[in-house]
C-alpha atoms as a PDB file:
ATOM      1  CA  UNK A   1     130.314 108.926  97.182  1.00  0.00           C
ATOM      2  CA  UNK A   2     126.999 109.627  95.467  1.00  0.00           C
ATOM      3  CA  UNK A   3     123.861 107.640  96.079  1.00  0.00           C
ATOM      4  CA  UNK A   4     120.120 107.599  96.657  1.00  0.00           C
ATOM      5  CA  UNK A   5     117.618 106.033  99.048  1.00  0.00           C
ATOM      6  CA  UNK A   6     114.079 105.348  97.765  1.00  0.00           C
ATOM      7  CA  UNK A   7     111.108 104.428  99.930  1.00  0.00           C
ATOM      8  CA  UNK A   8     108.093 103.268  97.881  1.00  0.00           C
ATOM      9  CA  UNK A   9     104.531 102.773  99.146  1.00  0.00           C
ATOM     10  CA  UNK A  10     101.908 100.855  97.143  1.00  0.00           C
ATOM     11  CA  UNK A  11      98.116 101.136  97.563  1.00  0.00           C
ATOM     12  CA  UNK A  12      95.267  99.329  95.825  1.00  0.00           C
ATOM     13  CA  UNK A  13      92.556 101.967  95.262  1.00  0.00           C
ATOM     14  CA  UNK A  14      90.446 100.698  92.342  1.00  0.00           C
ATOM     15  CA  UNK A  15      89.584  97.676  90.205  1.00  0.00           C
ATOM     16  CA  UNK A  16      91.139  99.269  87.138  1.00  0.00           C
ATOM     17  CA  UNK A  17      92.519 102.658  86.060  1.00  0.00           C
ATOM     18  CA  UNK A  18      92.566 104.041  82.517  1.00  0.00           C
ATOM     19  CA  UNK A  19      96.019 105.608  82.212  1.00  0.00           C
ATOM     20  CA  UNK A  20      95.040 107.995  79.412  1.00  0.00           C
ATOM     21  CA  UNK A  21      92.403 109.538  81.652  1.00  0.00           C
ATOM     22  CA  UNK A  22      94.975 109.921  84.423  1.00  0.00           C
ATOM     23  CA  UNK A  23      97.023 112.143  82.135  1.00  0.00           C
ATOM     24  CA  UNK A  24      93.952 114.289  81.546  1.00  0.00           C
ATOM     25  CA  UNK A  25      93.266 114.780  85.254  1.00  0.00           C
ATOM     26  CA  UNK A  26      96.816 115.016  86.628  1.00  0.00           C
ATOM     27  CA  UNK A  27      98.657 117.993  85.181  1.00  0.00           C
ATOM     28  CA  UNK A  28     102.309 117.168  84.527  1.00  0.00           C
ATOM     29  CA  UNK A  29     101.850 113.383  84.486  1.00  0.00           C
ATOM     30  CA  UNK A  30     103.973 111.594  81.904  1.00  0.00           C
ATOM     31  CA  UNK A  31     103.575 108.246  80.223  1.00  0.00           C
ATOM     32  CA  UNK A  32     106.612 106.232  81.264  1.00  0.00           C
ATOM     33  CA  UNK A  33     107.964 105.459  77.751  1.00  0.00           C
ATOM     34  CA  UNK A  34     108.634 109.157  77.186  1.00  0.00           C
ATOM     35  CA  UNK A  35     110.030 109.880  80.616  1.00  0.00           C
ATOM     36  CA  UNK A  36     112.799 108.489  82.757  1.00  0.00           C
ATOM     37  CA  UNK A  37     113.590 110.901  85.551  1.00  0.00           C
ATOM     38  CA  UNK A  38     115.348 113.264  83.170  1.00  0.00           C
ATOM     39  CA  UNK A  39     116.859 110.620  80.884  1.00  0.00           C
ATOM     40  CA  UNK A  40     115.858 109.089  77.556  1.00  0.00           C
ATOM     41  CA  UNK A  41     114.231 105.686  77.885  1.00  0.00           C
ATOM     42  CA  UNK A  42     116.213 102.808  76.302  1.00  0.00           C
ATOM     43  CA  UNK A  43     114.641 100.962  73.378  1.00  0.00           C
ATOM     44  CA  UNK A  44     114.368  97.810  75.496  1.00  0.00           C
ATOM     45  CA  UNK A  45     111.338  99.232  77.296  1.00  0.00           C
ATOM     46  CA  UNK A  46     108.030  98.912  75.458  1.00  0.00           C
ATOM     47  CA  UNK A  47     105.260 101.490  76.004  1.00  0.00           C
ATOM     48  CA  UNK A  48     102.671  98.731  76.454  1.00  0.00           C
ATOM     49  CA  UNK A  49     100.856  98.795  79.848  1.00  0.00           C
ATOM     50  CA  UNK A  50     103.618 100.695  81.675  1.00  0.00           C
ATOM     51  CA  UNK A  51     102.695 103.223  84.384  1.00  0.00           C
ATOM     52  CA  UNK A  52     102.043 106.942  84.419  1.00  0.00           C
ATOM     53  CA  UNK A  53     104.504 108.979  86.517  1.00  0.00           C
ATOM     54  CA  UNK A  54     103.979 112.387  88.104  1.00  0.00           C
ATOM     55  CA  UNK A  55     106.769 114.409  89.706  1.00  0.00           C
ATOM     56  CA  UNK A  56     105.414 116.183  92.775  1.00  0.00           C
ATOM     57  CA  UNK A  57     106.761 119.459  94.182  1.00  0.00           C
ATOM     58  CA  UNK A  58     110.005 119.238  96.153  1.00  0.00           C
ATOM     59  CA  UNK A  59     109.409 118.538  99.839  1.00  0.00           C
ATOM     60  CA  UNK A  60     111.429 118.771 103.041  1.00  0.00           C
ATOM     61  CA  UNK A  61     111.402 117.013 106.390  1.00  0.00           C
ATOM     62  CA  UNK A  62     113.076 118.330 109.515  1.00  0.00           C
ATOM     63  CA  UNK A  63     115.272 115.964 111.540  1.00  0.00           C
ATOM     64  CA  UNK A  64     117.492 117.147 114.418  1.00  0.00           C
ATOM     65  CA  UNK A  65     116.993 120.773 113.464  1.00  0.00           C
ATOM     66  CA  UNK A  66     118.039 120.233 109.858  1.00  0.00           C
ATOM     67  CA  UNK A  67     115.928 120.337 106.704  1.00  0.00           C
ATOM     68  CA  UNK A  68     116.274 117.242 104.530  1.00  0.00           C
ATOM     69  CA  UNK A  69     115.209 117.729 100.902  1.00  0.00           C
ATOM     70  CA  UNK A  70     113.531 114.915  99.003  1.00  0.00           C
ATOM     71  CA  UNK A  71     111.881 114.177  95.663  1.00  0.00           C
ATOM     72  CA  UNK A  72     108.378 112.670  95.592  1.00  0.00           C
ATOM     73  CA  UNK A  73     107.035 110.762  92.606  1.00  0.00           C
ATOM     74  CA  UNK A  74     103.506 109.478  92.137  1.00  0.00           C
ATOM     75  CA  UNK A  75     103.040 106.384  89.946  1.00  0.00           C
ATOM     76  CA  UNK A  76      99.730 105.014  88.599  1.00  0.00           C
ATOM     77  CA  UNK A  77      99.266 101.438  87.376  1.00  0.00           C
ATOM     78  CA  UNK A  78      96.427 100.261  85.144  1.00  0.00           C
ATOM     79  CA  UNK A  79      95.606  97.370  87.528  1.00  0.00           C
ATOM     80  CA  UNK A  80      94.228  99.893  90.047  1.00  0.00           C
ATOM     81  CA  UNK A  81      97.354 100.414  92.132  1.00  0.00           C
ATOM     82  CA  UNK A  82      99.071 103.704  92.921  1.00  0.00           C
ATOM     83  CA  UNK A  83     102.584 104.109  94.307  1.00  0.00           C
ATOM     84  CA  UNK A  84     104.332 106.970  96.098  1.00  0.00           C
ATOM     85  CA  UNK A  85     108.119 107.071  95.764  1.00  0.00           C
ATOM     86  CA  UNK A  86     110.149 109.164  98.200  1.00  0.00           C
ATOM     87  CA  UNK A  87     113.689 109.702  96.915  1.00  0.00           C
ATOM     88  CA  UNK A  88     116.543 111.113  98.983  1.00  0.00           C
ATOM     89  CA  UNK A  89     120.043 111.858  97.665  1.00  0.00           C
ATOM     90  CA  UNK A  90     122.866 110.669  99.950  1.00  0.00           C
ATOM     91  CA  UNK A  91     126.585 111.419  99.996  1.00  0.00           C
ATOM     92  CA  UNK A  92     127.984 108.793 102.370  1.00  0.00           C
ATOM     93  CA  UNK A  93     127.342 105.430 103.999  1.00  0.00           C
ATOM     94  CA  UNK A  94     126.494 107.046 107.329  1.00  0.00           C
ATOM     95  CA  UNK A  95     123.543 108.838 105.718  1.00  0.00           C
ATOM     96  CA  UNK A  96     122.181 105.518 104.441  1.00  0.00           C
ATOM     97  CA  UNK A  97     122.510 103.983 107.910  1.00  0.00           C
ATOM     98  CA  UNK A  98     120.819 106.920 109.561  1.00  0.00           C
ATOM     99  CA  UNK A  99     117.890 106.979 107.155  1.00  0.00           C
ATOM    100  CA  UNK A 100     117.398 103.227 107.545  1.00  0.00           C
ATOM    101  CA  UNK A 101     117.806 102.823 111.295  1.00  0.00           C
ATOM    102  CA  UNK A 102     116.385 106.129 112.554  1.00  0.00           C
ATOM    103  CA  UNK A 103     112.649 105.358 112.425  1.00  0.00           C
ATOM    104  CA  UNK A 104     111.742 109.053 112.444  1.00  0.00           C
ATOM    105  CA  UNK A 105     112.621 109.071 108.750  1.00  0.00           C
ATOM    106  CA  UNK A 106     110.347 106.133 107.973  1.00  0.00           C
ATOM    107  CA  UNK A 107     107.513 107.650 110.029  1.00  0.00           C
ATOM    108  CA  UNK A 108     107.843 110.934 108.137  1.00  0.00           C
ATOM    109  CA  UNK A 109     107.972 109.135 104.790  1.00  0.00           C
ATOM    110  CA  UNK A 110     104.766 107.234 105.636  1.00  0.00           C
ATOM    111  CA  UNK A 111     102.980 110.474 106.530  1.00  0.00           C
ATOM    112  CA  UNK A 112     104.109 112.078 103.266  1.00  0.00           C
ATOM    113  CA  UNK A 113     102.942 109.077 101.232  1.00  0.00           C
ATOM    114  CA  UNK A 114      99.526 109.098 102.938  1.00  0.00           C
ATOM    115  CA  UNK A 115      99.128 112.835 102.278  1.00  0.00           C
ATOM    116  CA  UNK A 116     100.113 112.464  98.611  1.00  0.00           C
ATOM    117  CA  UNK A 117      97.767 109.487  98.259  1.00  0.00           C
ATOM    118  CA  UNK A 118      94.877 111.516  99.696  1.00  0.00           C
ATOM    119  CA  UNK A 119      95.690 114.501  97.450  1.00  0.00           C
ATOM    120  CA  UNK A 120      95.806 112.405  94.267  1.00  0.00           C
ATOM    121  CA  UNK A 121      92.745 110.336  95.157  1.00  0.00           C
ATOM    122  CA  UNK A 122      90.680 113.520  95.384  1.00  0.00           C
ATOM    123  CA  UNK A 123      91.666 114.375  91.812  1.00  0.00           C
ATOM    124  CA  UNK A 124      91.152 110.868  90.456  1.00  0.00           C
ATOM    125  CA  UNK A 125      87.770 110.522  92.192  1.00  0.00           C
ATOM    126  CA  UNK A 126      86.275 112.890  89.596  1.00  0.00           C
ATOM    127  CA  UNK A 127      86.000 109.952  87.229  1.00  0.00           C
ATOM    128  CA  UNK A 128      87.192 106.940  89.263  1.00  0.00           C
ATOM    129  CA  UNK A 129      85.386 104.975  91.968  1.00  0.00           C
ATOM    130  CA  UNK A 130      87.909 104.869  94.821  1.00  0.00           C
ATOM    131  CA  UNK A 131      87.898 101.741  96.986  1.00  0.00           C
ATOM    132  CA  UNK A 132      89.641 102.033 100.333  1.00  0.00           C
ATOM    133  CA  UNK A 133      91.513  98.857 101.283  1.00  0.00           C
ATOM    134  CA  UNK A 134      93.701  98.243 104.293  1.00  0.00           C
ATOM    135  CA  UNK A 135      96.326  96.200 102.448  1.00  0.00           C
ATOM    136  CA  UNK A 136      99.424  98.025 101.224  1.00  0.00           C
ATOM    137  CA  UNK A 137     103.068  97.240 100.472  1.00  0.00           C
ATOM    138  CA  UNK A 138     106.278  99.195 100.972  1.00  0.00           C
ATOM    139  CA  UNK A 139     109.782  98.630  99.632  1.00  0.00           C
ATOM    140  CA  UNK A 140     113.209 100.238 100.083  1.00  0.00           C
ATOM    141  CA  UNK A 141     115.811 100.672  97.343  1.00  0.00           C
ATOM    142  CA  UNK A 142     119.403 101.818  97.862  1.00  0.00           C
ATOM    143  CA  UNK A 143     121.838 103.018  95.213  1.00  0.00           C
ATOM    144  CA  UNK A 144     125.566 103.610  95.640  1.00  0.00           C
ATOM    145  CA  UNK A 145     127.739 104.915  92.831  1.00  0.00           C
ATOM    146  CA  UNK A 146     130.828 102.737  92.818  1.00  0.00           C
ATOM    147  CA  UNK A 147     132.585  99.563  91.725  1.00  0.00           C
ATOM    148  CA  UNK A 148     130.623  96.545  92.933  1.00  0.00           C
ATOM    149  CA  UNK A 149     133.591  94.200  92.527  1.00  0.00           C
ATOM    150  CA  UNK A 150     135.378  96.194  95.226  1.00  0.00           C
ATOM    151  CA  UNK A 151     132.497  97.421  97.408  1.00  0.00           C
ATOM    152  CA  UNK A 152     130.502  94.189  97.785  1.00  0.00           C
ATOM    153  CA  UNK A 153     133.238  91.887  99.174  1.00  0.00           C
ATOM    154  CA  UNK A 154     134.284  94.491 101.758  1.00  0.00           C
ATOM    155  CA  UNK A 155     130.784  95.450 102.922  1.00  0.00           C
ATOM    156  CA  UNK A 156     128.708  92.254 102.859  1.00  0.00           C
ATOM    157  CA  UNK A 157     127.649  92.505 106.500  1.00  0.00           C
ATOM    158  CA  UNK A 158     126.708  96.147 106.179  1.00  0.00           C
ATOM    159  CA  UNK A 159     124.666  95.527 103.008  1.00  0.00           C
ATOM    160  CA  UNK A 160     122.873  92.593 104.666  1.00  0.00           C
ATOM    161  CA  UNK A 161     122.126  94.792 107.676  1.00  0.00           C
ATOM    162  CA  UNK A 162     120.641  97.508 105.454  1.00  0.00           C
ATOM    163  CA  UNK A 163     118.513  95.000 103.521  1.00  0.00           C
ATOM    164  CA  UNK A 164     117.268  93.384 106.736  1.00  0.00           C
ATOM    165  CA  UNK A 165     116.919  96.680 108.646  1.00  0.00           C
ATOM    166  CA  UNK A 166     119.186  95.092 111.253  1.00  0.00           C
ATOM    167  CA  UNK A 167     121.256  97.665 113.123  1.00  0.00           C
ATOM    168  CA  UNK A 168     123.405  95.017 114.840  1.00  0.00           C
ATOM    169  CA  UNK A 169     124.601  93.697 111.484  1.00  0.00           C
ATOM    170  CA  UNK A 170     128.103  93.020 112.798  1.00  0.00           C
ATOM    171  CA  UNK A 171     126.668  90.107 114.802  1.00  0.00           C
ATOM    172  CA  UNK A 172     125.064  88.407 111.789  1.00  0.00           C
ATOM    173  CA  UNK A 173     126.500  84.999 110.920  1.00  0.00           C
ATOM    174  CA  UNK A 174     128.310  84.454 107.636  1.00  0.00           C
ATOM    175  CA  UNK A 175     125.680  81.897 106.546  1.00  0.00           C
ATOM    176  CA  UNK A 176     122.843  84.336 107.190  1.00  0.00           C
ATOM    177  CA  UNK A 177     124.660  87.101 105.326  1.00  0.00           C
ATOM    178  CA  UNK A 178     125.258  84.904 102.287  1.00  0.00           C
ATOM    179  CA  UNK A 179     121.628  83.767 102.330  1.00  0.00           C
ATOM    180  CA  UNK A 180     120.489  87.416 102.453  1.00  0.00           C
ATOM    181  CA  UNK A 181     122.565  88.576  99.482  1.00  0.00           C
ATOM    182  CA  UNK A 182     122.299  85.409  97.374  1.00  0.00           C
ATOM    183  CA  UNK A 183     119.622  86.828  95.035  1.00  0.00           C
ATOM    184  CA  UNK A 184     121.785  89.100  92.952  1.00  0.00           C
ATOM    185  CA  UNK A 185     122.362  89.944  89.331  1.00  0.00           C
ATOM    186  CA  UNK A 186     125.285  91.511  87.482  1.00  0.00           C
ATOM    187  CA  UNK A 187     125.418  92.946  83.988  1.00  0.00           C
ATOM    188  CA  UNK A 188     128.953  94.333  83.945  1.00  0.00           C
ATOM    189  CA  UNK A 189     131.827  93.258  86.171  1.00  0.00           C
ATOM    190  CA  UNK A 190     131.530  96.387  88.289  1.00  0.00           C
ATOM    191  CA  UNK A 191     127.776  96.468  88.985  1.00  0.00           C
ATOM    192  CA  UNK A 192     125.339  94.378  91.029  1.00  0.00           C
ATOM    193  CA  UNK A 193     121.673  94.376  92.072  1.00  0.00           C
ATOM    194  CA  UNK A 194     120.794  92.489  95.269  1.00  0.00           C
ATOM    195  CA  UNK A 195     117.132  91.893  96.114  1.00  0.00           C
ATOM    196  CA  UNK A 196     115.468  90.737  99.317  1.00  0.00           C
ATOM    197  CA  UNK A 197     111.956  90.690 100.794  1.00  0.00           C
ATOM    198  CA  UNK A 198     111.974  94.250 102.189  1.00  0.00           C
ATOM    199  CA  UNK A 199     114.647  96.026 100.155  1.00  0.00           C
ATOM    200  CA  UNK A 200     117.060  96.007  97.219  1.00  0.00           C
ATOM    201  CA  UNK A 201     120.613  97.298  96.809  1.00  0.00           C
ATOM    202  CA  UNK A 202     122.143  98.654  93.599  1.00  0.00           C
ATOM    203  CA  UNK A 203     125.880  99.290  93.191  1.00  0.00           C
ATOM    204  CA  UNK A 204     126.910 100.706  89.833  1.00  0.00           C
ATOM    205  CA  UNK A 205     128.972 103.431  88.222  1.00  0.00           C
ATOM    206  CA  UNK A 206     125.847 104.508  86.344  1.00  0.00           C
ATOM    207  CA  UNK A 207     122.851 106.100  88.054  1.00  0.00           C
ATOM    208  CA  UNK A 208     120.528 105.112  85.200  1.00  0.00           C
ATOM    209  CA  UNK A 209     118.384 102.537  87.035  1.00  0.00           C
ATOM    210  CA  UNK A 210     114.855 103.751  86.349  1.00  0.00           C
ATOM    211  CA  UNK A 211     113.978 100.597  84.386  1.00  0.00           C
ATOM    212  CA  UNK A 212     115.147  98.427  87.274  1.00  0.00           C
ATOM    213  CA  UNK A 213     113.076 100.565  89.632  1.00  0.00           C
ATOM    214  CA  UNK A 214     109.985  99.958  87.488  1.00  0.00           C
ATOM    215  CA  UNK A 215     110.565  96.193  87.586  1.00  0.00           C
ATOM    216  CA  UNK A 216     110.854  96.315  91.378  1.00  0.00           C
ATOM    217  CA  UNK A 217     107.701  98.415  91.605  1.00  0.00           C
ATOM    218  CA  UNK A 218     105.801  95.999  89.368  1.00  0.00           C
ATOM    219  CA  UNK A 219     106.771  93.027  91.534  1.00  0.00           C
ATOM    220  CA  UNK A 220     105.457  94.843  94.598  1.00  0.00           C
ATOM    221  CA  UNK A 221     102.263  95.728  92.714  1.00  0.00           C
ATOM    222  CA  UNK A 222     101.800  92.053  91.864  1.00  0.00           C
ATOM    223  CA  UNK A 223     102.379  91.016  95.491  1.00  0.00           C
ATOM    224  CA  UNK A 224      99.867  93.620  96.689  1.00  0.00           C
ATOM    225  CA  UNK A 225      97.233  92.508  94.168  1.00  0.00           C
ATOM    226  CA  UNK A 226      97.673  88.880  95.214  1.00  0.00           C
ATOM    227  CA  UNK A 227      97.189  89.866  98.861  1.00  0.00           C
ATOM    228  CA  UNK A 228      94.070  91.869  98.017  1.00  0.00           C
ATOM    229  CA  UNK A 229      92.561  89.008  96.024  1.00  0.00           C
ATOM    230  CA  UNK A 230      93.364  86.509  98.759  1.00  0.00           C
ATOM    231  CA  UNK A 231      91.376  88.682 101.161  1.00  0.00           C
ATOM    232  CA  UNK A 232      88.553  88.961  98.609  1.00  0.00           C
ATOM    233  CA  UNK A 233      88.552  85.181  98.131  1.00  0.00           C
ATOM    234  CA  UNK A 234      88.246  84.656 101.893  1.00  0.00           C
ATOM    235  CA  UNK A 235      85.257  87.046 101.955  1.00  0.00           C
ATOM    236  CA  UNK A 236      83.703  85.282  98.949  1.00  0.00           C
ATOM    237  CA  UNK A 237      84.011  81.863 100.619  1.00  0.00           C
ATOM    238  CA  UNK A 238      82.436  83.211 103.829  1.00  0.00           C
ATOM    239  CA  UNK A 239      79.630  84.700 101.728  1.00  0.00           C
ATOM    240  CA  UNK A 240      79.085  81.389  99.890  1.00  0.00           C
ATOM    241  CA  UNK A 241      78.879  79.491 103.196  1.00  0.00           C
ATOM    242  CA  UNK A 242      76.387  81.995 104.611  1.00  0.00           C
ATOM    243  CA  UNK A 243      74.204  82.039 101.489  1.00  0.00           C
ATOM    244  CA  UNK A 244      74.292  78.248 101.159  1.00  0.00           C
ATOM    245  CA  UNK A 245      73.119  77.923 104.762  1.00  0.00           C
ATOM    246  CA  UNK A 246      70.280  80.375 104.088  1.00  0.00           C
ATOM    247  CA  UNK A 247      69.281  78.433 100.974  1.00  0.00           C
ATOM    248  CA  UNK A 248      69.010  75.241 103.019  1.00  0.00           C
ATOM    249  CA  UNK A 249      66.698  76.982 105.469  1.00  0.00           C
ATOM    250  CA  UNK A 250      64.473  78.109 102.579  1.00  0.00           C
ATOM    251  CA  UNK A 251      64.410  74.796 100.744  1.00  0.00           C
ATOM    252  CA  UNK A 252      60.595  74.906 100.617  1.00  0.00           C
ATOM    253  CA  UNK A 253      60.592  77.988  98.359  1.00  0.00           C
ATOM    254  CA  UNK A 254      61.866  76.696  95.028  1.00  0.00           C
ATOM    255  CA  UNK A 255      61.560  79.981  93.107  1.00  0.00           C
ATOM    256  CA  UNK A 256      63.397  82.051  95.734  1.00  0.00           C
ATOM    257  CA  UNK A 257      66.113  79.412  96.001  1.00  0.00           C
ATOM    258  CA  UNK A 258      66.563  79.316  92.251  1.00  0.00           C
ATOM    259  CA  UNK A 259      66.905  83.102  92.022  1.00  0.00           C
ATOM    260  CA  UNK A 260      69.395  83.267  94.919  1.00  0.00           C
ATOM    261  CA  UNK A 261      71.466  80.368  93.602  1.00  0.00           C
ATOM    262  CA  UNK A 262      71.609  81.931  90.139  1.00  0.00           C
ATOM    263  CA  UNK A 263      72.873  85.210  91.630  1.00  0.00           C
ATOM    264  CA  UNK A 264      75.494  83.351  93.695  1.00  0.00           C
ATOM    265  CA  UNK A 265      76.721  81.518  90.578  1.00  0.00           C
ATOM    266  CA  UNK A 266      76.943  84.837  88.684  1.00  0.00           C
ATOM    267  CA  UNK A 267      78.875  86.482  91.558  1.00  0.00           C
ATOM    268  CA  UNK A 268      81.453  83.688  91.501  1.00  0.00           C
ATOM    269  CA  UNK A 269      81.851  83.919  87.713  1.00  0.00           C
ATOM    270  CA  UNK A 270      82.259  87.722  87.813  1.00  0.00           C
ATOM    271  CA  UNK A 271      84.812  87.475  90.608  1.00  0.00           C
ATOM    272  CA  UNK A 272      86.786  84.848  88.690  1.00  0.00           C
ATOM    273  CA  UNK A 273      86.740  86.993  85.513  1.00  0.00           C
ATOM    274  CA  UNK A 274      87.909  90.056  87.467  1.00  0.00           C
ATOM    275  CA  UNK A 275      90.806  88.065  88.942  1.00  0.00           C
ATOM    276  CA  UNK A 276      91.836  86.711  85.527  1.00  0.00           C
ATOM    277  CA  UNK A 277      91.799  90.258  84.107  1.00  0.00           C
ATOM    278  CA  UNK A 278      94.109  91.382  86.905  1.00  0.00           C
ATOM    279  CA  UNK A 279      96.538  88.503  86.253  1.00  0.00           C
ATOM    280  CA  UNK A 280      96.556  89.270  82.526  1.00  0.00           C
ATOM    281  CA  UNK A 281      97.168  92.995  83.160  1.00  0.00           C
ATOM    282  CA  UNK A 282     100.128  92.318  85.455  1.00  0.00           C
ATOM    283  CA  UNK A 283     101.545  89.786  83.005  1.00  0.00           C
ATOM    284  CA  UNK A 284     101.315  92.374  80.216  1.00  0.00           C
ATOM    285  CA  UNK A 285     103.416  94.752  82.297  1.00  0.00           C
ATOM    286  CA  UNK A 286     105.948  91.992  82.962  1.00  0.00           C
ATOM    287  CA  UNK A 287     106.160  91.119  79.256  1.00  0.00           C
ATOM    288  CA  UNK A 288     106.928  94.786  78.551  1.00  0.00           C
ATOM    289  CA  UNK A 289     110.273  94.537  80.343  1.00  0.00           C
ATOM    290  CA  UNK A 290     111.910  93.786  77.021  1.00  0.00           C
ATOM    291  CA  UNK A 291     115.393  92.371  77.477  1.00  0.00           C
ATOM    292  CA  UNK A 292     116.679  89.319  79.327  1.00  0.00           C
ATOM    293  CA  UNK A 293     118.355  91.425  82.014  1.00  0.00           C
ATOM    294  CA  UNK A 294     115.097  92.968  83.260  1.00  0.00           C
ATOM    295  CA  UNK A 295     113.363  89.597  82.954  1.00  0.00           C
ATOM    296  CA  UNK A 296     116.096  88.048  85.130  1.00  0.00           C
ATOM    297  CA  UNK A 297     115.674  90.812  87.678  1.00  0.00           C
ATOM    298  CA  UNK A 298     111.937  90.154  87.823  1.00  0.00           C
ATOM    299  CA  UNK A 299     112.676  86.436  88.282  1.00  0.00           C
ATOM    300  CA  UNK A 300     114.832  87.232  91.341  1.00  0.00           C
ATOM    301  CA  UNK A 301     112.126  89.440  92.820  1.00  0.00           C
ATOM    302  CA  UNK A 302     109.450  86.845  92.067  1.00  0.00           C
ATOM    303  CA  UNK A 303     111.536  84.247  93.893  1.00  0.00           C
ATOM    304  CA  UNK A 304     112.081  86.578  96.862  1.00  0.00           C
ATOM    305  CA  UNK A 305     108.380  87.458  97.140  1.00  0.00           C
ATOM    306  CA  UNK A 306     107.269  83.833  96.492  1.00  0.00           C
ATOM    307  CA  UNK A 307     104.940  85.137  93.774  1.00  0.00           C
ATOM    308  CA  UNK A 308     104.585  81.795  91.964  1.00  0.00           C
ATOM    309  CA  UNK A 309     103.709  80.020  95.199  1.00  0.00           C
ATOM    310  CA  UNK A 310     101.117  82.671  96.099  1.00  0.00           C
ATOM    311  CA  UNK A 311      99.682  82.550  92.574  1.00  0.00           C
ATOM    312  CA  UNK A 312      99.501  78.757  92.793  1.00  0.00           C
ATOM    313  CA  UNK A 313      97.533  78.933  96.050  1.00  0.00           C
ATOM    314  CA  UNK A 314      95.190  81.507  94.530  1.00  0.00           C
ATOM    315  CA  UNK A 315      94.645  79.330  91.461  1.00  0.00           C
ATOM    316  CA  UNK A 316      93.826  76.309  93.650  1.00  0.00           C
ATOM    317  CA  UNK A 317      91.313  78.367  95.639  1.00  0.00           C
ATOM    318  CA  UNK A 318      89.737  79.694  92.458  1.00  0.00           C
ATOM    319  CA  UNK A 319      89.508  76.164  91.078  1.00  0.00           C
ATOM    320  CA  UNK A 320      87.560  75.272  94.216  1.00  0.00           C
ATOM    321  CA  UNK A 321      85.264  78.268  93.660  1.00  0.00           C
ATOM    322  CA  UNK A 322      84.627  77.165  90.075  1.00  0.00           C
ATOM    323  CA  UNK A 323      83.749  73.660  91.294  1.00  0.00           C
ATOM    324  CA  UNK A 324      81.322  75.233  93.771  1.00  0.00           C
ATOM    325  CA  UNK A 325      79.820  77.316  90.954  1.00  0.00           C
ATOM    326  CA  UNK A 326      79.441  74.221  88.760  1.00  0.00           C
ATOM    327  CA  UNK A 327      77.758  72.397  91.641  1.00  0.00           C
ATOM    328  CA  UNK A 328      75.377  75.341  92.133  1.00  0.00           C
ATOM    329  CA  UNK A 329      74.597  75.353  88.388  1.00  0.00           C
ATOM    330  CA  UNK A 330      73.786  71.635  88.596  1.00  0.00           C
ATOM    331  CA  UNK A 331      71.494  72.301  91.528  1.00  0.00           C
ATOM    332  CA  UNK A 332      69.791  75.085  89.584  1.00  0.00           C
ATOM    333  CA  UNK A 333      69.288  72.723  86.655  1.00  0.00           C
ATOM    334  CA  UNK A 334      67.957  69.984  88.928  1.00  0.00           C
ATOM    335  CA  UNK A 335      65.661  72.425  90.742  1.00  0.00           C
ATOM    336  CA  UNK A 336      64.390  73.708  87.388  1.00  0.00           C
ATOM    337  CA  UNK A 337      63.642  70.151  86.270  1.00  0.00           C
ATOM    338  CA  UNK A 338      61.943  69.397  89.576  1.00  0.00           C
ATOM    339  CA  UNK A 339      59.926  72.595  89.310  1.00  0.00           C
ATOM    340  CA  UNK A 340      58.791  71.708  85.778  1.00  0.00           C
ATOM    341  CA  UNK A 341      57.879  68.203  86.906  1.00  0.00           C
ATOM    342  CA  UNK A 342      55.879  69.684  89.774  1.00  0.00           C
ATOM    343  CA  UNK A 343      54.050  72.013  87.356  1.00  0.00           C
ATOM    344  CA  UNK A 344      53.217  69.057  85.077  1.00  0.00           C
ATOM    345  CA  UNK A 345      51.894  67.053  88.026  1.00  0.00           C
ATOM    346  CA  UNK A 346      49.846  69.996  89.286  1.00  0.00           C
ATOM    347  CA  UNK A 347      48.380  70.563  85.833  1.00  0.00           C
ATOM    348  CA  UNK A 348      47.552  66.862  85.540  1.00  0.00           C
ATOM    349  CA  UNK A 349      45.879  66.898  88.979  1.00  0.00           C
ATOM    350  CA  UNK A 350      44.011  70.090  88.078  1.00  0.00           C
ATOM    351  CA  UNK A 351      42.798  68.484  84.852  1.00  0.00           C
ATOM    352  CA  UNK A 352      41.459  65.445  86.765  1.00  0.00           C
ATOM    353  CA  UNK A 353      39.725  67.675  89.307  1.00  0.00           C
ATOM    354  CA  UNK A 354      38.081  69.702  86.536  1.00  0.00           C
ATOM    355  CA  UNK A 355      36.864  66.524  84.818  1.00  0.00           C
ATOM    356  CA  UNK A 356      35.381  65.235  88.079  1.00  0.00           C
ATOM    357  CA  UNK A 357      33.651  68.576  88.721  1.00  0.00           C
ATOM    358  CA  UNK A 358      32.167  68.604  85.201  1.00  0.00           C
ATOM    359  CA  UNK A 359      30.790  65.054  85.622  1.00  0.00           C
ATOM    360  CA  UNK A 360      29.111  66.103  88.835  1.00  0.00           C
END
């Protein structure tokens, strides 16, 4: 049996990354349309907004006195996300179980991804403003070369256990197993892709699944960006509450209030524009998938990650922010009118005082 295990780690490091500049600063980086892990890219993949990939030097980890070789890939997305893929060839089912359930592997993979991230960030920081954020995503992908029509029915519990990272998979109920592997897609009779929240499983006689890997990566990138923006929204709302409270305390100073309220309105507008740009950039990547098969795969992943629900909640929160901005703009307009009225009154009073003084 031939197969592969892939652990991918996703980090948001910037607001936006120009992919052409990445190629200039990272020697050996390839634009995805001209590179597919040693294979020609099918015509179904468009070059528009797809990532830059860099093959790192071969690495090894030592487990139980044995050296385990692995391939590391570094992937850069225009939306400001980088990914580190750690790819291990496997020859049997026991190897897949061991890599999944022996947490020393995962701990080593995480250390490697952090080191690669730090190494690449140093290079990108020559022209890019790096923003450290705590949020990150990780995803596991398993490939087995074989006939899915034979392998899947016989190994449902085992596959569910691998997807769930559940070592006692033999005790899983039939209902839970079916619910775990229900999001699946077939192209030929002998292949299948099964996706879940933490992992995906590919069974096929062909090891040409780089396009599918890119779709899975993109879904994780989208999930990460949504998480990051949810955190940013929470900070923005806290900031609005704090600034609004301060404005109330300074209600006597019309000019200062007006300036602060104008800045707050601008901050909300800029934040909303930045979010919309991110959504558009991710959607451009999704539209680049090309054929119905990859679009269906993305749909399964989107359903698993609840991307539409998360996007809906974000949109509702942003709608609230826009209403707050509109209210602030109305206040600014009202304060401006009040200020002008006050100036007119003061001028009128000053004119009367001057006339009285002249008569005296």
